[in-house]
C-alpha cells in the first residue's frame, strides 16, 4: 500500500482550459489525472453529434490530452480517468489506441466503462414496471419518451475500480458520478471496503471538491482579489492517505489560491441537503467535515462521516420540449425606456394579429431590469437612461410560428419608436429547447460493463 496518492483534477467541464490537464501531468508528481467533461446538457449535445456522425458523441478534446501525456503515462505510471466517453466511449477508445500505436506506445491499456446509456431500453424498462417518474413533478417518462434525446444512468465508482484492477492506464467512461472518478483510485490503492461508508464519503467529498477544476483553487472565488495570479491558475490536487485524511493543494509555482475559504465555497456548491449528499456509492454528511488550512495552498480535510447508499441510481435524461427564440434592439436617449416598452408592445400586438402561438412571451429591458425582476415604475419612465436594450424571448411548440415572429424584429427599426441604435446578429431563428428529466431507477435494472482493450 502506498503511503499516499495524489489525484489531480484536469478539467471541470467540457470546454475548460485545454492546457490544464497537461500541466497537471508535467509540472509535478501525480498518480492519477481525473477529468470531468459531462454536465446534464452535455449528454444531449453528444447524442446529437453521434446522430450526425456515428464516430462522434464523446469529448474529442480528451484524445489530444491523452496524446500529450502519453510519456507521463508510460514513464511515471500516471493513470488517466475520465467520463469523456459521453455517449460513445468505444469510439473515444478507438481514437486513443490509434494515436498511441502511431506514437509507438504499444503497451497502452485502455478500459471502457459503459452500460449507462439506456436510451434504447426505455420501452423495455417501462414494460418491466420502471416508470422513471420525473423527480420534480412525478410524471412518468412514458409521457415524453418519443421526444427523448438521451437517457443515462449515473454509475458510481465500482466499475472504475474494476478497470484499475484490470491494469488499465486510461479509463474512459460514459455517465458516472463526478465524485466516483476520485473515489475509485482511493479504493483501489488503499483497499477500502465498499461498506466502510465513512471512507466512501471521504472519497466522495474529495471528488466533489475537485470536480469543478480550478473553482476550488481560486477560480470563481467570491474574494477574487485575493487571488494573485489567474493567468497561470493551478488546478487542484487531492493528496489522500489510507486513514481517510486528505489535503487539497496544487502544484508549487502555479497561480490561483487554495485556502480554507476556497475549499468551503466549493463544498457548498450544488449539494442540496448538506447532511445527505446522495451518490450511488454512499450518502455523505457534509456537516461532519473539518477544514483546516495548514500551510499556504494546503488545506486538510478530516472527520468525514457517511451512511449506506440507496437502492436506486439516478437517471439523467433530456428531451425535446418545443422551441425558443430571442432577439434584442437597443433604443437611445431620450425616453429610451419608454421607447423600448413601446417596441415590445408593438411586437406583442403584431404577433397576436398574425395568430402566432407562443407558450411564453418575455420582455426585458437591459439597463433597467435585465433579469425582469423589477416592474416598470413611473420613476423609471421619467429617468434619462442613455440607452436601453429591449430583449424579447418567446417559446412555443411551433418552429414556424417562432421563425415568423423573428421576421418582425428588424422591421421595427423603421416602423416603431425612433432611436434604434443596435440590432445585432441578423434575423433570429428558432432553436430547439432541450429539457431535463431526472428520475430514479432500481440498481438491479441495469449493470455497468467494463472492458479492457490493448493495441493489436
Protein backbone atom coordinates (compact mmCIF):
# COMPACT_ATOMS: atom_id res chain seq x y z
CA UNK A 1 0.00 0.00 0.00
CA UNK A 2 1.27 3.47 -0.87
CA UNK A 3 1.77 5.99 1.93
CA UNK A 4 -0.43 8.45 0.00
CA UNK A 5 -1.58 9.19 -3.53
CA UNK A 6 -2.01 12.39 -5.49
CA UNK A 7 -5.17 12.73 -7.58
CA UNK A 8 -5.11 15.74 -9.91
CA UNK A 9 -8.12 17.42 -11.50
CA UNK A 10 -7.57 18.28 -15.14
CA UNK A 11 -10.97 19.51 -16.36
CA UNK A 12 -14.06 20.85 -14.60
CA UNK A 13 -16.30 20.72 -17.65
CA UNK A 14 -16.19 20.21 -21.40
CA UNK A 15 -14.52 23.36 -22.66
CA UNK A 16 -12.29 24.06 -19.65
CA UNK A 17 -8.67 25.26 -20.07
CA UNK A 18 -7.10 22.97 -22.70
CA UNK A 19 -3.62 23.03 -21.16
CA UNK A 20 -4.73 22.36 -17.57
CA UNK A 21 -4.56 18.53 -17.61
CA UNK A 22 -1.23 18.57 -19.44
CA UNK A 23 0.21 20.96 -16.86
CA UNK A 24 -1.04 18.71 -14.06
CA UNK A 25 0.89 15.79 -15.55
CA UNK A 26 4.07 17.70 -16.35
CA UNK A 27 4.51 20.33 -13.60
CA UNK A 28 4.82 17.99 -10.64
CA UNK A 29 4.30 14.48 -9.31
CA UNK A 30 0.80 12.98 -9.53
CA UNK A 31 -0.52 9.43 -9.55
CA UNK A 32 -3.93 9.97 -11.15
CA UNK A 33 -5.28 12.51 -13.58
CA UNK A 34 -9.07 12.76 -13.43
CA UNK A 35 -11.17 14.81 -15.83
CA UNK A 36 -14.86 15.63 -15.68
CA UNK A 37 -16.38 16.59 -19.03
CA UNK A 38 -20.09 15.96 -18.50
CA UNK A 39 -22.90 18.25 -17.44
CA UNK A 40 -26.54 17.25 -17.80
CA UNK A 41 -26.98 19.12 -21.07
CA UNK A 42 -23.68 17.78 -22.43
CA UNK A 43 -25.12 14.30 -22.91
CA UNK A 44 -27.86 15.59 -25.21
CA UNK A 45 -25.28 17.58 -27.21
CA UNK A 46 -23.13 14.49 -27.61
CA UNK A 47 -26.16 12.40 -28.59
CA UNK A 48 -27.00 14.88 -31.34
CA UNK A 49 -23.40 14.75 -32.55
CA UNK A 50 -23.48 10.96 -32.65
CA UNK A 51 -26.69 11.07 -34.70
CA UNK A 52 -24.85 13.19 -37.27
CA UNK A 53 -21.71 11.07 -37.20
CA UNK A 54 -21.58 7.62 -35.53
CA UNK A 55 -17.89 8.17 -34.76
CA UNK A 56 -18.67 11.22 -32.58
CA UNK A 57 -20.54 11.56 -29.30
CA UNK A 58 -17.58 11.96 -26.94
CA UNK A 59 -15.30 14.81 -25.81
CA UNK A 60 -12.87 14.81 -28.70
CA UNK A 61 -10.59 17.26 -26.84
CA UNK A 62 -9.77 14.42 -24.46
CA UNK A 63 -7.96 12.45 -27.16
CA UNK A 64 -5.49 15.29 -27.65
CA UNK A 65 -4.91 15.47 -23.88
CA UNK A 66 -4.06 11.78 -23.70
CA UNK A 67 -1.76 12.15 -26.69
CA UNK A 68 0.21 14.87 -24.89
CA UNK A 69 0.57 12.91 -21.63
CA UNK A 70 1.50 9.53 -23.14
CA UNK A 71 5.11 9.96 -21.98
CA UNK A 72 3.98 10.52 -18.38
CA UNK A 73 1.62 7.54 -18.55
CA UNK A 74 4.48 5.31 -19.66
CA UNK A 75 7.39 6.73 -17.67
CA UNK A 76 5.70 7.95 -14.48
CA UNK A 77 2.86 5.46 -14.27
CA UNK A 78 0.13 8.11 -14.24
CA UNK A 79 -3.38 6.70 -14.61
CA UNK A 80 -5.95 8.77 -16.53
CA UNK A 81 -9.65 8.53 -15.61
CA UNK A 82 -12.37 10.49 -17.36
CA UNK A 83 -16.05 10.46 -18.29
CA UNK A 84 -15.06 11.93 -21.65
CA UNK A 85 -16.64 8.93 -23.38
CA UNK A 86 -20.06 10.57 -23.18
CA UNK A 87 -22.48 8.52 -25.27
CA UNK A 88 -19.78 6.88 -27.38
CA UNK A 89 -16.87 5.75 -25.15
CA UNK A 90 -15.82 2.97 -27.55
CA UNK A 91 -15.25 5.45 -30.36
CA UNK A 92 -13.14 7.51 -27.97
CA UNK A 93 -11.18 4.39 -27.08
CA UNK A 94 -10.58 3.59 -30.75
CA UNK A 95 -9.10 7.02 -31.40
CA UNK A 96 -6.80 6.88 -28.37
CA UNK A 97 -5.48 3.42 -29.26
CA UNK A 98 -4.91 4.57 -32.83
CA UNK A 99 -2.84 7.55 -31.73
CA UNK A 100 -0.92 5.52 -29.14
CA UNK A 101 0.02 3.00 -31.84
CA UNK A 102 1.13 5.78 -34.19
CA UNK A 103 3.30 7.26 -31.44
CA UNK A 104 4.83 3.90 -30.50
CA UNK A 105 3.14 3.42 -27.13
CA UNK A 106 2.10 -0.12 -27.96
CA UNK A 107 1.70 -1.29 -24.36
CA UNK A 108 -1.07 1.19 -23.52
CA UNK A 109 -4.14 -0.41 -21.94
CA UNK A 110 -7.48 1.38 -22.24
CA UNK A 111 -10.62 0.38 -20.34
CA UNK A 112 -14.15 1.35 -21.31
CA UNK A 113 -16.93 1.62 -18.74
CA UNK A 114 -20.35 1.65 -20.37
CA UNK A 115 -23.85 0.28 -19.93
CA UNK A 116 -25.08 3.60 -18.58
CA UNK A 117 -26.85 4.56 -21.83
CA UNK A 118 -30.43 3.26 -21.52
CA UNK A 119 -32.00 5.30 -24.32
CA UNK A 120 -32.70 2.18 -26.40
CA UNK A 121 -34.07 0.34 -23.36
CA UNK A 122 -36.80 2.78 -22.33
CA UNK A 123 -39.72 0.75 -23.73
CA UNK A 124 -38.36 -2.43 -22.16
CA UNK A 125 -37.90 -0.73 -18.80
CA UNK A 126 -41.41 0.70 -18.87
CA UNK A 127 -42.85 -2.75 -19.60
CA UNK A 128 -40.91 -4.12 -16.64
CA UNK A 129 -42.60 -1.60 -14.37
CA UNK A 130 -39.90 1.07 -14.18
CA UNK A 131 -41.90 4.28 -14.66
CA UNK A 132 -38.89 6.63 -14.41
CA UNK A 133 -41.05 9.33 -12.88
CA UNK A 134 -39.76 12.89 -13.10
CA UNK A 135 -38.30 13.68 -9.68
CA UNK A 136 -39.69 17.21 -9.81
CA UNK A 137 -43.30 16.74 -10.93
CA UNK A 138 -43.97 12.98 -10.76
CA UNK A 139 -44.87 12.48 -14.43
CA UNK A 140 -43.95 9.07 -15.92
CA UNK A 141 -41.35 9.04 -18.66
CA UNK A 142 -43.92 7.48 -20.99
CA UNK A 143 -45.37 10.98 -21.50
CA UNK A 144 -42.26 12.21 -23.32
CA UNK A 145 -40.45 9.02 -24.36
CA UNK A 146 -40.85 9.74 -28.07
CA UNK A 147 -39.05 13.08 -27.58
CA UNK A 148 -36.12 11.69 -25.62
CA UNK A 149 -32.65 12.70 -26.79
CA UNK A 150 -30.57 10.96 -24.13
CA UNK A 151 -31.03 8.82 -21.04
CA UNK A 152 -28.08 7.81 -18.90
CA UNK A 153 -27.65 6.17 -15.53
CA UNK A 154 -25.20 7.69 -13.06
CA UNK A 155 -22.95 4.78 -12.16
CA UNK A 156 -20.71 5.07 -9.13
CA UNK A 157 -17.05 4.27 -8.64
CA UNK A 158 -17.10 0.45 -8.64
CA UNK A 159 -16.72 -0.17 -12.40
CA UNK A 160 -13.75 2.22 -12.39
CA UNK A 161 -12.22 0.26 -9.50
CA UNK A 162 -12.66 -2.90 -11.58
CA UNK A 163 -10.95 -1.26 -14.55
CA UNK A 164 -8.00 -0.29 -12.33
CA UNK A 165 -7.72 -3.87 -11.10
CA UNK A 166 -7.51 -4.99 -14.74
CA UNK A 167 -4.44 -2.79 -15.17
CA UNK A 168 -5.90 -0.01 -17.32
CA UNK A 169 -3.70 3.02 -17.97
CA UNK A 170 -6.57 5.09 -19.35
CA UNK A 171 -10.19 4.63 -18.26
CA UNK A 172 -12.94 6.09 -20.41
CA UNK A 173 -16.46 6.10 -19.01
CA UNK A 174 -19.88 7.16 -20.05
CA UNK A 175 -22.07 8.70 -17.34
CA UNK A 176 -20.58 8.09 -13.91
CA UNK A 177 -20.73 10.43 -10.95
CA UNK A 178 -18.17 13.20 -10.92
CA UNK A 179 -17.18 12.09 -7.42
CA UNK A 180 -16.66 8.47 -8.46
CA UNK A 181 -13.70 9.48 -10.62
CA UNK A 182 -11.78 10.41 -7.48
CA UNK A 183 -13.15 7.83 -5.05
CA UNK A 184 -12.15 4.89 -7.27
CA UNK A 185 -8.36 5.38 -7.02
CA UNK A 186 -8.58 5.56 -3.22
CA UNK A 187 -10.47 2.26 -3.02
CA UNK A 188 -8.02 0.66 -5.44
CA UNK A 189 -4.84 1.87 -3.76
CA UNK A 190 -5.87 1.58 -0.11
CA UNK A 191 -8.12 -1.48 -0.29
CA UNK A 192 -11.07 0.30 1.28
CA UNK A 193 -14.23 -1.76 1.77
CA UNK A 194 -17.29 -0.50 -0.12
CA UNK A 195 -19.28 -0.99 3.10
CA UNK A 196 -17.00 1.34 5.03
CA UNK A 197 -19.29 4.28 4.43
CA UNK A 198 -17.10 6.81 6.22
CA UNK A 199 -14.27 6.02 3.80
CA UNK A 200 -16.68 6.06 0.85
CA UNK A 201 -17.80 9.51 1.99
CA UNK A 202 -14.16 10.64 2.21
CA UNK A 203 -13.51 9.87 -1.45
CA UNK A 204 -16.87 11.27 -2.46
CA UNK A 205 -16.27 14.60 -0.76
CA UNK A 206 -12.72 14.74 -2.13
CA UNK A 207 -14.18 14.21 -5.58
CA UNK A 208 -16.78 16.91 -5.01
CA UNK A 209 -14.04 19.35 -4.02
CA UNK A 210 -12.06 18.94 -7.26
CA UNK A 211 -14.85 18.08 -9.72
CA UNK A 212 -15.12 21.69 -10.91
CA UNK A 213 -11.43 22.11 -11.60
CA UNK A 214 -9.96 25.47 -10.64
CA UNK A 215 -13.17 26.61 -8.96
CA UNK A 216 -11.60 25.33 -5.71
CA UNK A 217 -8.16 26.78 -6.45
CA UNK A 218 -9.15 30.42 -6.85
CA UNK A 219 -11.39 30.48 -9.91
CA UNK A 220 -14.87 31.93 -9.47
CA UNK A 221 -13.93 32.82 -5.88
CA UNK A 222 -16.01 35.43 -4.04
CA UNK A 223 -12.89 37.16 -2.67
CA UNK A 224 -11.31 37.07 -6.11
CA UNK A 225 -8.94 39.98 -5.39
CA UNK A 226 -7.01 37.69 -3.00
CA UNK A 227 -6.01 35.55 -5.99
CA UNK A 228 -2.69 36.93 -7.20
CA UNK A 229 -2.39 35.04 -10.48
CA UNK A 230 -5.33 33.94 -12.59
CA UNK A 231 -3.26 33.69 -15.78
CA UNK A 232 -1.35 30.56 -14.76
CA UNK A 233 -4.01 29.27 -12.37
CA UNK A 234 -3.11 25.91 -10.85
CA UNK A 235 -5.72 23.19 -10.88
CA UNK A 236 -6.37 21.31 -7.62
CA UNK A 237 -4.77 18.12 -6.37
CA UNK A 238 -6.05 15.77 -3.67
CA UNK A 239 -3.31 14.24 -1.53
CA UNK A 240 -5.06 11.25 0.04
CA UNK A 241 -3.99 8.97 2.89
CA UNK A 242 -5.14 5.42 3.82
CA UNK A 243 -6.70 6.55 7.13
CA UNK A 244 -9.17 8.79 5.28
CA UNK A 245 -7.49 12.15 5.83
CA UNK A 246 -6.68 14.19 2.75
CA UNK A 247 -5.27 17.55 1.70
CA UNK A 248 -6.37 19.90 -1.05
CA UNK A 249 -3.41 21.55 -2.74
CA UNK A 250 -1.88 22.40 -6.13
CA UNK A 251 1.48 22.30 -7.84
CA UNK A 252 4.14 24.67 -6.49
CA UNK A 253 4.83 27.67 -8.67
CA UNK A 254 1.37 27.81 -10.19
CA UNK A 255 -1.15 30.62 -9.81
CA UNK A 256 -4.52 30.55 -8.13
CA UNK A 257 -5.24 30.02 -4.44
CA UNK A 258 -6.14 27.05 -2.27
CA UNK A 259 -7.40 28.28 1.10
CA UNK A 260 -9.90 27.42 3.79
CA UNK A 261 -12.45 29.68 2.12
CA UNK A 262 -11.95 28.47 -1.47
CA UNK A 263 -12.49 24.93 -0.21
CA UNK A 264 -15.55 25.86 1.85
CA UNK A 265 -17.12 27.67 -1.09
CA UNK A 266 -16.67 24.59 -3.27
CA UNK A 267 -18.06 22.32 -0.55
CA UNK A 268 -21.31 24.29 -0.70
CA UNK A 269 -21.57 24.00 -4.48
CA UNK A 270 -24.63 22.03 -5.69
CA UNK A 271 -25.12 19.90 -2.58
CA UNK A 272 -28.78 20.30 -1.57
CA UNK A 273 -29.18 18.90 1.96
CA UNK A 274 -25.64 19.07 3.39
CA UNK A 275 -26.28 16.14 5.72
CA UNK A 276 -27.42 13.88 2.87
CA UNK A 277 -25.32 14.21 -0.28
CA UNK A 278 -26.62 11.21 -2.19
CA UNK A 279 -24.46 9.26 -4.62
CA UNK A 280 -24.61 5.64 -5.86
CA UNK A 281 -21.70 4.82 -3.55
CA UNK A 282 -22.69 6.48 -0.28
CA UNK A 283 -24.71 9.21 1.37
CA UNK A 284 -22.07 11.71 2.53
CA UNK A 285 -22.56 14.01 5.50
CA UNK A 286 -21.06 17.41 4.72
CA UNK A 287 -21.89 18.66 8.22
CA UNK A 288 -19.21 16.32 9.62
CA UNK A 289 -16.31 17.91 7.74
CA UNK A 290 -13.43 19.68 9.48
CA UNK A 291 -11.47 22.11 7.28
CA UNK A 292 -8.05 23.35 8.39
CA UNK A 293 -5.60 25.47 6.41
CA UNK A 294 -2.24 24.01 7.47
CA UNK A 295 0.09 25.86 5.09
CA UNK A 296 -0.22 28.26 2.16
CA UNK A 297 -2.15 26.48 -0.61
CA UNK A 298 -2.64 23.40 1.56
CA UNK A 299 -5.93 22.58 3.28
CA UNK A 300 -6.53 19.48 5.42
CA UNK A 301 -9.92 17.74 5.45
CA UNK A 302 -10.83 15.33 8.27
CA UNK A 303 -13.74 13.92 10.27
CA UNK A 304 -15.97 12.87 7.38
CA UNK A 305 -18.93 10.58 8.03
CA UNK A 306 -21.08 8.59 5.61
CA UNK A 307 -24.25 6.50 5.52
CA UNK A 308 -25.35 3.48 3.42
CA UNK A 309 -26.11 4.06 -0.24
CA UNK A 310 -29.62 3.96 -1.68
CA UNK A 311 -31.08 1.07 -3.77
CA UNK A 312 -31.51 3.30 -6.84
CA UNK A 313 -29.43 5.01 -9.48
CA UNK A 314 -30.23 8.50 -10.68
CA UNK A 315 -31.10 8.76 -14.36
CA UNK A 316 -30.26 11.91 -16.27
CA UNK A 317 -32.43 12.20 -19.38
CA UNK A 318 -33.07 15.00 -21.84
CA UNK A 319 -35.85 15.56 -24.34
CA UNK A 320 -37.13 17.95 -26.99
CA UNK A 321 -39.53 20.45 -25.40
CA UNK A 322 -40.53 22.85 -28.16
CA UNK A 323 -38.63 25.86 -29.47
CA UNK A 324 -37.32 29.24 -28.36
CA UNK A 325 -36.18 32.47 -29.98
CA UNK A 326 -34.56 35.61 -28.57
CA UNK A 327 -33.53 38.92 -30.06
CA UNK A 328 -32.65 42.46 -29.00
CA UNK A 329 -32.95 46.06 -30.11
CA UNK A 330 -31.17 49.00 -28.46
CA UNK A 331 -33.03 52.30 -28.00
CA UNK A 332 -31.15 55.54 -27.28
CA UNK A 333 -31.87 58.65 -25.21
CA UNK A 334 -34.21 60.49 -24.89
CA UNK A 335 -37.01 58.36 -23.40
CA UNK A 336 -35.05 55.17 -24.05
CA UNK A 337 -37.09 53.05 -21.63
CA UNK A 338 -40.41 54.35 -22.93
CA UNK A 339 -39.34 53.54 -26.49
CA UNK A 340 -38.26 50.02 -25.56
CA UNK A 341 -41.56 49.34 -23.77
CA UNK A 342 -43.50 50.60 -26.77
CA UNK A 343 -41.42 48.47 -29.12
CA UNK A 344 -42.19 45.34 -27.11
CA UNK A 345 -45.89 46.23 -27.04
CA UNK A 346 -45.93 46.62 -30.82
CA UNK A 347 -44.28 43.24 -31.31
CA UNK A 348 -46.73 41.52 -29.00
CA UNK A 349 -49.76 43.02 -30.73
CA UNK A 350 -48.43 42.25 -34.20
CA UNK A 351 -47.89 38.65 -33.11
CA UNK A 352 -51.47 38.42 -31.90
CA UNK A 353 -52.72 39.85 -35.20
CA UNK A 354 -50.71 37.21 -37.09
CA UNK A 355 -52.20 34.44 -34.92
CA UNK A 356 -48.80 33.23 -33.73
CA UNK A 357 -48.90 30.64 -30.95
CA UNK A 358 -46.49 31.12 -28.03
CA UNK A 359 -46.26 29.46 -24.64
CA UNK A 360 -44.27 32.36 -23.25
CA UNK A 361 -43.54 35.96 -24.31
CA UNK A 362 -40.87 37.61 -22.15
CA UNK A 363 -39.94 41.30 -22.26
CA UNK A 364 -36.78 42.55 -20.56
CA UNK A 365 -35.22 45.99 -20.55
CA UNK A 366 -31.49 45.67 -20.01
CA UNK A 367 -30.10 48.77 -18.36
CA UNK A 368 -33.14 48.89 -16.11
CA UNK A 369 -34.31 45.36 -15.25
CA UNK A 370 -32.14 42.95 -17.21
CA UNK A 371 -33.47 39.88 -15.43
CA UNK A 372 -37.07 41.06 -15.42
CA UNK A 373 -37.04 41.36 -11.65
CA UNK A 374 -38.49 44.88 -11.33
CA UNK A 375 -41.78 46.21 -12.67
CA UNK A 376 -41.55 49.44 -14.63
CA UNK A 377 -42.33 52.34 -12.30
CA UNK A 378 -43.31 55.93 -13.05
CA UNK A 379 -39.97 56.99 -11.63
CA UNK A 380 -38.15 54.71 -14.07
CA UNK A 381 -40.15 56.02 -17.01
CA UNK A 382 -39.02 59.55 -16.14
CA UNK A 383 -35.36 58.57 -15.76
CA UNK A 384 -33.00 59.71 -18.51
CA UNK A 385 -31.35 56.40 -19.41
CA UNK A 386 -28.64 56.79 -22.07
CA UNK A 387 -29.77 53.57 -23.70
CA UNK A 388 -31.94 50.55 -23.05
CA UNK A 389 -31.64 47.15 -24.69
CA UNK A 390 -35.03 45.59 -25.31
CA UNK A 391 -34.74 41.81 -25.19
CA UNK A 392 -37.66 39.70 -26.40
CA UNK A 393 -37.76 35.96 -25.79
CA UNK A 394 -40.54 33.67 -26.96
CA UNK A 395 -41.12 29.94 -26.74
CA UNK A 396 -43.70 27.56 -28.10
CA UNK A 397 -44.45 24.30 -29.88
CA UNK A 398 -44.31 25.66 -33.45
CA UNK A 399 -40.94 26.34 -35.02
CA UNK A 400 -42.67 28.02 -37.95
CA UNK A 401 -44.51 30.45 -35.67
CA UNK A 402 -41.31 31.43 -33.91
CA UNK A 403 -39.44 31.93 -37.18
CA UNK A 404 -42.31 34.06 -38.46
CA UNK A 405 -42.02 36.17 -35.33
CA UNK A 406 -38.31 36.52 -36.00
CA UNK A 407 -39.19 38.35 -39.22
CA UNK A 408 -40.89 41.09 -37.16
CA UNK A 409 -37.82 42.29 -35.27
CA UNK A 410 -35.83 44.16 -37.91
CA UNK A 411 -38.86 45.96 -39.42
CA UNK A 412 -39.48 47.55 -36.03
CA UNK A 413 -36.42 49.74 -36.65
CA UNK A 414 -38.38 51.81 -39.19
CA UNK A 415 -41.94 51.04 -38.10
CA UNK A 416 -41.74 51.83 -34.39
CA UNK A 417 -40.28 54.37 -32.00
CA UNK A 418 -37.20 56.29 -33.13
CA UNK A 419 -33.73 55.90 -31.80
CA UNK A 420 -32.86 52.27 -32.53
CA UNK A 421 -29.06 52.18 -32.40
CA UNK A 422 -28.30 48.49 -32.28
CA UNK A 423 -29.59 45.34 -33.98
CA UNK A 424 -27.06 42.52 -33.87
CA UNK A 425 -26.88 39.03 -35.28
CA UNK A 426 -29.25 39.32 -38.19
CA UNK A 427 -32.73 37.79 -38.32
CA UNK A 428 -33.14 35.44 -35.33
CA UNK A 429 -34.02 31.80 -35.89
CA UNK A 430 -35.87 29.39 -33.63
CA UNK A 431 -33.81 26.74 -31.86
CA UNK A 432 -34.89 23.62 -30.04
CA UNK A 433 -35.42 23.59 -26.28
CA UNK A 434 -33.71 20.69 -24.55
CA UNK A 435 -35.40 19.95 -21.24
CA UNK A 436 -34.03 17.93 -18.33
CA UNK A 437 -35.71 14.78 -16.97
CA UNK A 438 -34.31 13.49 -13.66
CA UNK A 439 -35.53 10.10 -12.48
CA UNK A 440 -34.62 7.12 -10.30
CA UNK A 441 -34.06 3.52 -11.42
CA UNK A 442 -33.59 0.37 -9.33
CA UNK A 443 -29.94 -0.65 -9.34
CA UNK A 444 -30.84 -4.21 -10.28
CA UNK A 445 -32.35 -3.00 -13.57
CA UNK A 446 -29.02 -2.11 -15.16
CA UNK A 447 -25.44 -3.37 -14.97
CA UNK A 448 -22.25 -1.50 -15.80
CA UNK A 449 -19.83 -3.11 -18.25
CA UNK A 450 -16.04 -2.95 -18.03
CA UNK A 451 -13.89 -3.96 -21.00
CA UNK A 452 -10.11 -3.74 -21.31
CA UNK A 453 -8.57 -3.07 -24.72
CA UNK A 454 -4.97 -3.24 -25.92
CA UNK A 455 -3.23 -2.37 -29.16
CA UNK A 456 -3.32 -5.23 -31.69
